[in-house]
Amino acid sequence: MAQVLVIEGQSILDIAIAKCGSAEAAFEIALLNEISITEKLIPGQTLELPAVVKKDVVEYYQSKGINPATNITSDEFNSTIGGDG
């Protein structure tokens, strides 16, 4: 079974989309790893992955080097875009 190493700011949904090709895979990832779909993931944590649902989506993310990490705070977001809140 495939595994993924969590990076800073990733959620189960980020991983489900990038590594399995579908947001629905988040439920299966949660079940496989005995965690909640809303669990805050720890950078460096290893998660078991289910089978790829949509190969074309996974290939797109891989070819572009995209590793989504959308679980950020509003302060982190604002500092990234240069805003003040």
N, C-alpha and C. Protein backbone atom coordinates (compact mmCIF):
# COMPACT_ATOMS: atom_id res chain seq x y z
N MET A 1 0.84 -1.19 0.00
CA MET A 1 0.00 0.00 0.00
C MET A 1 0.89 1.25 0.00
N ALA A 2 0.46 2.25 -0.74
CA ALA A 2 1.22 3.50 -0.85
C ALA A 2 1.12 4.32 0.43
N GLN A 3 2.14 5.13 0.63
CA GLN A 3 2.18 6.03 1.78
C GLN A 3 2.57 7.42 1.31
N VAL A 4 2.28 8.39 2.16
CA VAL A 4 2.68 9.76 1.90
C VAL A 4 3.22 10.36 3.19
N LEU A 5 4.21 11.24 3.04
CA LEU A 5 4.77 11.98 4.16
C LEU A 5 4.12 13.36 4.18
N VAL A 6 3.47 13.71 5.27
CA VAL A 6 2.75 14.98 5.39
C VAL A 6 3.73 16.13 5.46
N ILE A 7 3.41 17.22 4.72
CA ILE A 7 4.21 18.44 4.81
C ILE A 7 3.42 19.50 5.58
N GLU A 8 4.10 20.54 5.98
CA GLU A 8 3.50 21.63 6.76
C GLU A 8 2.25 22.17 6.08
N GLY A 9 1.16 22.26 6.84
CA GLY A 9 -0.07 22.88 6.35
C GLY A 9 -0.98 21.97 5.56
N GLN A 10 -0.65 20.69 5.43
CA GLN A 10 -1.51 19.80 4.66
C GLN A 10 -2.66 19.27 5.49
N SER A 11 -3.79 19.10 4.82
CA SER A 11 -4.96 18.47 5.42
C SER A 11 -5.19 17.15 4.69
N ILE A 12 -6.08 16.35 5.24
CA ILE A 12 -6.41 15.09 4.57
C ILE A 12 -7.00 15.37 3.19
N LEU A 13 -7.78 16.43 3.05
CA LEU A 13 -8.33 16.77 1.73
C LEU A 13 -7.24 17.11 0.72
N ASP A 14 -6.23 17.85 1.14
CA ASP A 14 -5.11 18.17 0.25
C ASP A 14 -4.48 16.88 -0.27
N ILE A 15 -4.23 15.96 0.63
CA ILE A 15 -3.58 14.70 0.27
C ILE A 15 -4.49 13.85 -0.60
N ALA A 16 -5.76 13.81 -0.26
CA ALA A 16 -6.71 13.00 -1.04
C ALA A 16 -6.75 13.46 -2.49
N ILE A 17 -6.79 14.75 -2.71
CA ILE A 17 -6.86 15.28 -4.07
C ILE A 17 -5.55 15.05 -4.83
N ALA A 18 -4.42 15.38 -4.20
CA ALA A 18 -3.13 15.29 -4.88
C ALA A 18 -2.65 13.85 -5.08
N LYS A 19 -2.91 12.99 -4.13
CA LYS A 19 -2.36 11.63 -4.19
C LYS A 19 -3.35 10.57 -4.65
N CYS A 20 -4.65 10.86 -4.54
CA CYS A 20 -5.67 9.88 -4.96
C CYS A 20 -6.54 10.41 -6.08
N GLY A 21 -6.50 11.73 -6.32
CA GLY A 21 -7.24 12.31 -7.41
C GLY A 21 -8.67 12.67 -7.12
N SER A 22 -9.08 12.58 -5.85
CA SER A 22 -10.48 12.85 -5.52
C SER A 22 -10.61 13.22 -4.04
N ALA A 23 -11.42 14.22 -3.76
CA ALA A 23 -11.67 14.63 -2.38
C ALA A 23 -12.36 13.52 -1.59
N GLU A 24 -13.16 12.70 -2.28
CA GLU A 24 -13.87 11.61 -1.60
C GLU A 24 -12.91 10.62 -0.95
N ALA A 25 -11.69 10.54 -1.45
CA ALA A 25 -10.69 9.62 -0.89
C ALA A 25 -10.30 10.01 0.54
N ALA A 26 -10.63 11.23 0.96
CA ALA A 26 -10.32 11.67 2.33
C ALA A 26 -10.94 10.74 3.36
N PHE A 27 -12.13 10.27 3.09
CA PHE A 27 -12.79 9.38 4.04
C PHE A 27 -12.05 8.06 4.16
N GLU A 28 -11.58 7.54 3.04
CA GLU A 28 -10.85 6.28 3.06
C GLU A 28 -9.48 6.46 3.73
N ILE A 29 -8.83 7.59 3.50
CA ILE A 29 -7.55 7.87 4.16
C ILE A 29 -7.76 7.92 5.67
N ALA A 30 -8.81 8.61 6.10
CA ALA A 30 -9.10 8.69 7.54
C ALA A 30 -9.33 7.30 8.13
N LEU A 31 -10.11 6.48 7.44
CA LEU A 31 -10.37 5.12 7.93
C LEU A 31 -9.10 4.28 7.99
N LEU A 32 -8.29 4.33 6.94
CA LEU A 32 -7.06 3.56 6.90
C LEU A 32 -6.10 3.92 8.02
N ASN A 33 -6.10 5.20 8.39
CA ASN A 33 -5.15 5.69 9.39
C ASN A 33 -5.78 5.89 10.77
N GLU A 34 -7.06 5.51 10.89
CA GLU A 34 -7.78 5.61 12.16
C GLU A 34 -7.73 7.00 12.76
N ILE A 35 -8.01 8.00 11.89
CA ILE A 35 -8.06 9.40 12.32
C ILE A 35 -9.32 10.04 11.75
N SER A 36 -9.66 11.21 12.27
CA SER A 36 -10.80 11.98 11.78
C SER A 36 -10.41 12.70 10.49
N ILE A 37 -11.38 12.96 9.62
CA ILE A 37 -11.06 13.71 8.40
C ILE A 37 -10.70 15.15 8.70
N THR A 38 -11.02 15.62 9.90
CA THR A 38 -10.67 16.99 10.29
C THR A 38 -9.42 17.05 11.17
N GLU A 39 -8.78 15.93 11.36
CA GLU A 39 -7.58 15.86 12.20
C GLU A 39 -6.50 16.79 11.68
N LYS A 40 -5.86 17.52 12.60
CA LYS A 40 -4.72 18.36 12.22
C LYS A 40 -3.52 17.44 12.05
N LEU A 41 -2.98 17.43 10.85
CA LEU A 41 -1.86 16.55 10.55
C LEU A 41 -0.55 17.17 10.99
N ILE A 42 0.41 16.32 11.31
CA ILE A 42 1.71 16.75 11.80
C ILE A 42 2.73 16.59 10.68
N PRO A 43 3.49 17.65 10.36
CA PRO A 43 4.52 17.52 9.34
C PRO A 43 5.46 16.36 9.69
N GLY A 44 5.75 15.52 8.70
CA GLY A 44 6.59 14.35 8.92
C GLY A 44 5.80 13.09 9.21
N GLN A 45 4.53 13.25 9.50
CA GLN A 45 3.64 12.11 9.76
C GLN A 45 3.47 11.31 8.48
N THR A 46 3.44 9.99 8.59
CA THR A 46 3.24 9.13 7.43
C THR A 46 1.80 8.62 7.44
N LEU A 47 1.15 8.70 6.29
CA LEU A 47 -0.22 8.21 6.16
C LEU A 47 -0.29 7.13 5.09
N GLU A 48 -1.08 6.10 5.36
CA GLU A 48 -1.36 5.07 4.37
C GLU A 48 -2.37 5.65 3.38
N LEU A 49 -2.22 5.29 2.11
CA LEU A 49 -3.11 5.80 1.07
C LEU A 49 -3.90 4.67 0.41
N PRO A 50 -5.14 4.94 0.07
CA PRO A 50 -5.93 3.98 -0.70
C PRO A 50 -5.49 4.04 -2.17
N ALA A 51 -6.13 3.27 -2.99
CA ALA A 51 -5.84 3.27 -4.43
C ALA A 51 -6.19 4.62 -5.05
N VAL A 52 -5.51 4.93 -6.13
CA VAL A 52 -5.78 6.14 -6.89
C VAL A 52 -7.16 6.05 -7.52
N VAL A 53 -7.94 7.12 -7.37
CA VAL A 53 -9.29 7.16 -7.92
C VAL A 53 -9.28 7.73 -9.34
N LYS A 54 -8.58 8.86 -9.49
CA LYS A 54 -8.51 9.53 -10.80
C LYS A 54 -7.04 9.78 -11.14
N LYS A 55 -6.51 8.87 -11.95
CA LYS A 55 -5.08 8.89 -12.29
C LYS A 55 -4.67 10.18 -12.98
N ASP A 56 -5.53 10.73 -13.84
CA ASP A 56 -5.18 11.95 -14.57
C ASP A 56 -4.97 13.14 -13.63
N VAL A 57 -5.76 13.20 -12.57
CA VAL A 57 -5.62 14.28 -11.58
C VAL A 57 -4.29 14.13 -10.84
N VAL A 58 -3.99 12.91 -10.41
CA VAL A 58 -2.74 12.64 -9.69
C VAL A 58 -1.54 12.96 -10.59
N GLU A 59 -1.60 12.55 -11.84
CA GLU A 59 -0.51 12.82 -12.79
C GLU A 59 -0.32 14.32 -13.01
N TYR A 60 -1.42 15.08 -13.04
CA TYR A 60 -1.32 16.53 -13.19
C TYR A 60 -0.55 17.14 -12.01
N TYR A 61 -0.97 16.79 -10.80
CA TYR A 61 -0.30 17.33 -9.61
C TYR A 61 1.18 16.95 -9.60
N GLN A 62 1.48 15.70 -9.95
CA GLN A 62 2.87 15.25 -9.97
C GLN A 62 3.68 15.98 -11.03
N SER A 63 3.12 16.12 -12.24
CA SER A 63 3.87 16.75 -13.33
C SER A 63 4.16 18.23 -13.06
N LYS A 64 3.28 18.89 -12.32
CA LYS A 64 3.47 20.30 -11.99
C LYS A 64 4.21 20.51 -10.66
N GLY A 65 4.48 19.41 -9.95
CA GLY A 65 5.15 19.52 -8.65
C GLY A 65 4.30 20.20 -7.60
N ILE A 66 2.99 20.02 -7.70
CA ILE A 66 2.06 20.68 -6.78
C ILE A 66 1.82 19.80 -5.56
N ASN A 67 2.06 20.35 -4.38
CA ASN A 67 1.77 19.70 -3.11
C ASN A 67 0.89 20.65 -2.30
N PRO A 68 -0.43 20.57 -2.48
CA PRO A 68 -1.31 21.52 -1.80
C PRO A 68 -1.18 21.44 -0.28
N ALA A 69 -1.21 22.60 0.34
CA ALA A 69 -1.15 22.70 1.80
C ALA A 69 -2.04 23.87 2.20
N THR A 70 -3.33 23.61 2.24
CA THR A 70 -4.31 24.68 2.44
C THR A 70 -4.70 24.90 3.90
N ASN A 71 -4.16 24.11 4.79
CA ASN A 71 -4.53 24.21 6.20
C ASN A 71 -3.63 25.24 6.89
N ILE A 72 -3.81 26.52 6.51
CA ILE A 72 -3.00 27.59 7.08
C ILE A 72 -3.90 28.57 7.83
N THR A 73 -3.29 29.31 8.72
CA THR A 73 -4.04 30.30 9.49
C THR A 73 -4.22 31.56 8.65
N SER A 74 -5.13 32.42 9.06
CA SER A 74 -5.33 33.68 8.34
C SER A 74 -4.08 34.55 8.41
N ASP A 75 -3.34 34.51 9.51
CA ASP A 75 -2.09 35.28 9.62
C ASP A 75 -1.07 34.79 8.60
N GLU A 76 -0.95 33.45 8.47
CA GLU A 76 -0.03 32.88 7.49
C GLU A 76 -0.45 33.27 6.07
N PHE A 77 -1.73 33.21 5.80
CA PHE A 77 -2.24 33.58 4.49
C PHE A 77 -1.94 35.04 4.18
N ASN A 78 -2.22 35.92 5.13
CA ASN A 78 -1.99 37.34 4.92
C ASN A 78 -0.53 37.65 4.71
N SER A 79 0.37 36.97 5.43
CA SER A 79 1.79 37.24 5.24
C SER A 79 2.26 36.73 3.88
N THR A 80 1.61 35.70 3.35
CA THR A 80 1.97 35.16 2.04
C THR A 80 1.59 36.11 0.93
N ILE A 81 0.40 36.73 1.05
CA ILE A 81 -0.07 37.63 -0.02
C ILE A 81 0.31 39.09 0.25
N GLY A 82 0.92 39.35 1.39
CA GLY A 82 1.33 40.72 1.70
C GLY A 82 0.23 41.59 2.25
N GLY A 83 -0.87 40.97 2.66
CA GLY A 83 -1.98 41.73 3.22
C GLY A 83 -1.80 41.97 4.71
N ASP A 84 -2.70 42.76 5.26
CA ASP A 84 -2.61 43.04 6.68
C ASP A 84 -3.83 42.55 7.44
N GLY A 85 -4.62 41.71 6.84
CA GLY A 85 -5.73 41.12 7.57
C GLY A 85 -7.02 41.40 6.97
